[in-house]
């Protein structure tokens, strides 16, 4: 994609701080981090979102996350956990599939609390999804 910033980063046409790279993915430090060590896993081939991507690329990405990146973050940054996230369409700022790796720390102030107001709709949502 000509206007995709992630494609430009992958092709070394835009600067980045690369942490890991192989024939399938490139992993960079997020320039808008939520915590210290926030990484982005970028497939080298352009995919728009989860509905577009080859399963082999997703499987490879998670293999590298599990065996290389998470151990690296724990060892080097002493993170206490890891939030793995990926946005599709709504909330997706760049239309190039990417996985966020957000190291978690005891005092990181990230707040992923559930919305108590939605609890009353659980039966309705269950029925919509299963009927």
C-alpha atoms as a PDB file:
ATOM      1  CA  UNK A   1       0.000   0.000   0.000  1.00  0.00           C
ATOM      2  CA  UNK A   2       1.439   3.329  -1.056  1.00  0.00           C
ATOM      3  CA  UNK A   3       0.064   5.431   1.806  1.00  0.00           C
ATOM      4  CA  UNK A   4       0.355   2.861   4.602  1.00  0.00           C
ATOM      5  CA  UNK A   5       2.837   4.013   7.250  1.00  0.00           C
ATOM      6  CA  UNK A   6       3.389   0.431   8.422  1.00  0.00           C
ATOM      7  CA  UNK A   7       4.244  -0.691   4.878  1.00  0.00           C
ATOM      8  CA  UNK A   8       6.709   2.206   4.695  1.00  0.00           C
ATOM      9  CA  UNK A   9       8.253   1.107   8.012  1.00  0.00           C
ATOM     10  CA  UNK A  10       8.474  -2.503   6.811  1.00  0.00           C
ATOM     11  CA  UNK A  11      10.172  -1.346   3.602  1.00  0.00           C
ATOM     12  CA  UNK A  12      12.561   0.925   5.555  1.00  0.00           C
ATOM     13  CA  UNK A  13      11.051   4.012   3.927  1.00  0.00           C
ATOM     14  CA  UNK A  14      10.073   5.415   7.331  1.00  0.00           C
ATOM     15  CA  UNK A  15      12.044   5.247  10.582  1.00  0.00           C
ATOM     16  CA  UNK A  16      11.311   2.792  13.366  1.00  0.00           C
ATOM     17  CA  UNK A  17      12.982   1.086  16.264  1.00  0.00           C
ATOM     18  CA  UNK A  18      12.943  -2.580  15.281  1.00  0.00           C
ATOM     19  CA  UNK A  19      13.070  -5.125  18.110  1.00  0.00           C
ATOM     20  CA  UNK A  20      12.623  -8.303  16.045  1.00  0.00           C
ATOM     21  CA  UNK A  21      12.360  -9.164  12.367  1.00  0.00           C
ATOM     22  CA  UNK A  22      12.062 -12.297  10.259  1.00  0.00           C
ATOM     23  CA  UNK A  23      10.652 -13.139   6.822  1.00  0.00           C
ATOM     24  CA  UNK A  24       7.012 -12.833   8.002  1.00  0.00           C
ATOM     25  CA  UNK A  25       6.858 -10.044  10.614  1.00  0.00           C
ATOM     26  CA  UNK A  26       8.599  -6.942  11.875  1.00  0.00           C
ATOM     27  CA  UNK A  27       8.234  -5.890  15.522  1.00  0.00           C
ATOM     28  CA  UNK A  28       8.732  -2.247  16.421  1.00  0.00           C
ATOM     29  CA  UNK A  29       8.448  -0.026  19.476  1.00  0.00           C
ATOM     30  CA  UNK A  30       5.152   1.885  19.439  1.00  0.00           C
ATOM     31  CA  UNK A  31       5.822   5.637  19.207  1.00  0.00           C
ATOM     32  CA  UNK A  32       2.580   6.232  21.156  1.00  0.00           C
ATOM     33  CA  UNK A  33       3.120   3.797  24.032  1.00  0.00           C
ATOM     34  CA  UNK A  34       0.563   2.944  26.680  1.00  0.00           C
ATOM     35  CA  UNK A  35       3.359   1.555  28.902  1.00  0.00           C
ATOM     36  CA  UNK A  36       7.132   1.162  28.704  1.00  0.00           C
ATOM     37  CA  UNK A  37       8.010  -1.402  26.062  1.00  0.00           C
ATOM     38  CA  UNK A  38       4.718  -1.215  24.115  1.00  0.00           C
ATOM     39  CA  UNK A  39       5.430  -3.111  20.880  1.00  0.00           C
ATOM     40  CA  UNK A  40       3.641  -3.529  17.559  1.00  0.00           C
ATOM     41  CA  UNK A  41       3.815  -6.794  15.622  1.00  0.00           C
ATOM     42  CA  UNK A  42       3.486  -5.975  11.909  1.00  0.00           C
ATOM     43  CA  UNK A  43       3.036  -8.582   9.170  1.00  0.00           C
ATOM     44  CA  UNK A  44       5.340  -7.738   6.283  1.00  0.00           C
ATOM     45  CA  UNK A  45       2.560  -8.381   3.787  1.00  0.00           C
ATOM     46  CA  UNK A  46      -0.242  -5.809   3.905  1.00  0.00           C
ATOM     47  CA  UNK A  47      -3.456  -7.124   5.431  1.00  0.00           C
ATOM     48  CA  UNK A  48      -6.267  -4.790   6.453  1.00  0.00           C
ATOM     49  CA  UNK A  49      -7.585  -6.649   9.507  1.00  0.00           C
ATOM     50  CA  UNK A  50      -8.252 -10.033  11.080  1.00  0.00           C
ATOM     51  CA  UNK A  51     -10.798 -10.979   8.408  1.00  0.00           C
ATOM     52  CA  UNK A  52      -8.179 -10.382   5.709  1.00  0.00           C
ATOM     53  CA  UNK A  53      -5.057 -12.031   7.139  1.00  0.00           C
ATOM     54  CA  UNK A  54      -3.710 -15.524   6.431  1.00  0.00           C
ATOM     55  CA  UNK A  55      -3.977 -17.821   9.450  1.00  0.00           C
ATOM     56  CA  UNK A  56      -0.348 -18.866   9.032  1.00  0.00           C
ATOM     57  CA  UNK A  57       0.741 -15.281   9.644  1.00  0.00           C
ATOM     58  CA  UNK A  58      -1.377 -15.041  12.803  1.00  0.00           C
ATOM     59  CA  UNK A  59      -0.034 -18.392  14.044  1.00  0.00           C
ATOM     60  CA  UNK A  60       3.560 -17.349  13.332  1.00  0.00           C
ATOM     61  CA  UNK A  61       3.011 -14.002  15.078  1.00  0.00           C
ATOM     62  CA  UNK A  62       1.714 -15.650  18.245  1.00  0.00           C
ATOM     63  CA  UNK A  63       4.527 -18.203  18.202  1.00  0.00           C
ATOM     64  CA  UNK A  64       7.045 -15.328  18.199  1.00  0.00           C
ATOM     65  CA  UNK A  65       5.057 -13.454  20.866  1.00  0.00           C
ATOM     66  CA  UNK A  66       5.031 -16.534  23.107  1.00  0.00           C
ATOM     67  CA  UNK A  67       8.593 -17.766  22.577  1.00  0.00           C
ATOM     68  CA  UNK A  68      10.580 -14.573  21.907  1.00  0.00           C
ATOM     69  CA  UNK A  69       8.857 -11.294  22.686  1.00  0.00           C
ATOM     70  CA  UNK A  70       7.070 -11.969  25.976  1.00  0.00           C
ATOM     71  CA  UNK A  71      10.153 -13.623  27.500  1.00  0.00           C
ATOM     72  CA  UNK A  72      12.249 -10.669  26.259  1.00  0.00           C
ATOM     73  CA  UNK A  73       9.898  -8.121  27.841  1.00  0.00           C
ATOM     74  CA  UNK A  74       9.822 -10.030  31.145  1.00  0.00           C
ATOM     75  CA  UNK A  75      13.611 -10.413  31.265  1.00  0.00           C
ATOM     76  CA  UNK A  76      14.689  -6.968  30.091  1.00  0.00           C
ATOM     77  CA  UNK A  77      11.880  -4.721  31.401  1.00  0.00           C
ATOM     78  CA  UNK A  78      10.693  -6.809  34.361  1.00  0.00           C
ATOM     79  CA  UNK A  79       7.067  -6.502  33.302  1.00  0.00           C
ATOM     80  CA  UNK A  80       4.561  -8.358  35.435  1.00  0.00           C
ATOM     81  CA  UNK A  81       2.267  -9.366  32.588  1.00  0.00           C
ATOM     82  CA  UNK A  82       1.290  -8.619  29.012  1.00  0.00           C
ATOM     83  CA  UNK A  83      -1.880  -7.363  27.362  1.00  0.00           C
ATOM     84  CA  UNK A  84      -2.229  -8.531  23.765  1.00  0.00           C
ATOM     85  CA  UNK A  85      -4.737  -6.605  21.656  1.00  0.00           C
ATOM     86  CA  UNK A  86      -5.713  -6.017  18.058  1.00  0.00           C
ATOM     87  CA  UNK A  87      -8.354  -3.654  16.644  1.00  0.00           C
ATOM     88  CA  UNK A  88     -10.510  -4.296  13.584  1.00  0.00           C
ATOM     89  CA  UNK A  89     -12.183  -1.453  11.715  1.00  0.00           C
ATOM     90  CA  UNK A  90     -13.642   0.557  14.637  1.00  0.00           C
ATOM     91  CA  UNK A  91     -10.692   1.718  16.726  1.00  0.00           C
ATOM     92  CA  UNK A  92      -8.169   0.705  14.086  1.00  0.00           C
ATOM     93  CA  UNK A  93      -6.187   3.855  13.327  1.00  0.00           C
ATOM     94  CA  UNK A  94      -3.985   2.301  10.634  1.00  0.00           C
ATOM     95  CA  UNK A  95      -5.594  -0.110   8.170  1.00  0.00           C
ATOM     96  CA  UNK A  96      -2.717  -2.601   8.332  1.00  0.00           C
ATOM     97  CA  UNK A  97      -3.237  -5.579  10.633  1.00  0.00           C
ATOM     98  CA  UNK A  98      -1.058  -5.262  13.721  1.00  0.00           C
ATOM     99  CA  UNK A  99      -0.921  -6.708  17.210  1.00  0.00           C
ATOM    100  CA  UNK A 100      -0.282  -4.532  20.249  1.00  0.00           C
ATOM    101  CA  UNK A 101       1.920  -6.000  22.983  1.00  0.00           C
ATOM    102  CA  UNK A 102       1.457  -3.830  26.061  1.00  0.00           C
ATOM    103  CA  UNK A 103       3.677  -4.805  28.993  1.00  0.00           C
ATOM    104  CA  UNK A 104       1.845  -4.544  32.285  1.00  0.00           C
ATOM    105  CA  UNK A 105       3.288  -3.196  35.510  1.00  0.00           C
ATOM    106  CA  UNK A 106       1.818  -2.949  38.992  1.00  0.00           C
ATOM    107  CA  UNK A 107       1.534   0.846  38.763  1.00  0.00           C
ATOM    108  CA  UNK A 108       0.858   1.324  35.029  1.00  0.00           C
ATOM    109  CA  UNK A 109      -2.574   2.970  35.544  1.00  0.00           C
ATOM    110  CA  UNK A 110      -4.201   1.113  32.635  1.00  0.00           C
ATOM    111  CA  UNK A 111      -7.816   0.581  33.573  1.00  0.00           C
ATOM    112  CA  UNK A 112      -9.674  -2.267  31.879  1.00  0.00           C
ATOM    113  CA  UNK A 113     -12.717  -2.349  34.145  1.00  0.00           C
ATOM    114  CA  UNK A 114     -16.001  -3.759  32.952  1.00  0.00           C
ATOM    115  CA  UNK A 115     -19.089  -1.643  32.534  1.00  0.00           C
ATOM    116  CA  UNK A 116     -21.610  -2.598  35.249  1.00  0.00           C
ATOM    117  CA  UNK A 117     -24.431  -1.061  33.204  1.00  0.00           C
ATOM    118  CA  UNK A 118     -23.986  -3.738  30.553  1.00  0.00           C
ATOM    119  CA  UNK A 119     -24.572  -6.601  33.001  1.00  0.00           C
ATOM    120  CA  UNK A 120     -28.333  -6.213  32.736  1.00  0.00           C
ATOM    121  CA  UNK A 121     -28.148  -7.081  29.032  1.00  0.00           C
ATOM    122  CA  UNK A 122     -26.278 -10.388  29.357  1.00  0.00           C
ATOM    123  CA  UNK A 123     -29.319 -12.568  28.665  1.00  0.00           C
ATOM    124  CA  UNK A 124     -30.297 -10.484  25.644  1.00  0.00           C
ATOM    125  CA  UNK A 125     -26.768 -10.613  24.214  1.00  0.00           C
ATOM    126  CA  UNK A 126     -26.564 -14.361  24.885  1.00  0.00           C
ATOM    127  CA  UNK A 127     -29.819 -14.888  22.986  1.00  0.00           C
ATOM    128  CA  UNK A 128     -28.646 -12.760  20.062  1.00  0.00           C
ATOM    129  CA  UNK A 129     -25.421 -14.740  19.770  1.00  0.00           C
ATOM    130  CA  UNK A 130     -26.908 -18.216  20.160  1.00  0.00           C
ATOM    131  CA  UNK A 131     -30.286 -18.065  18.405  1.00  0.00           C
END
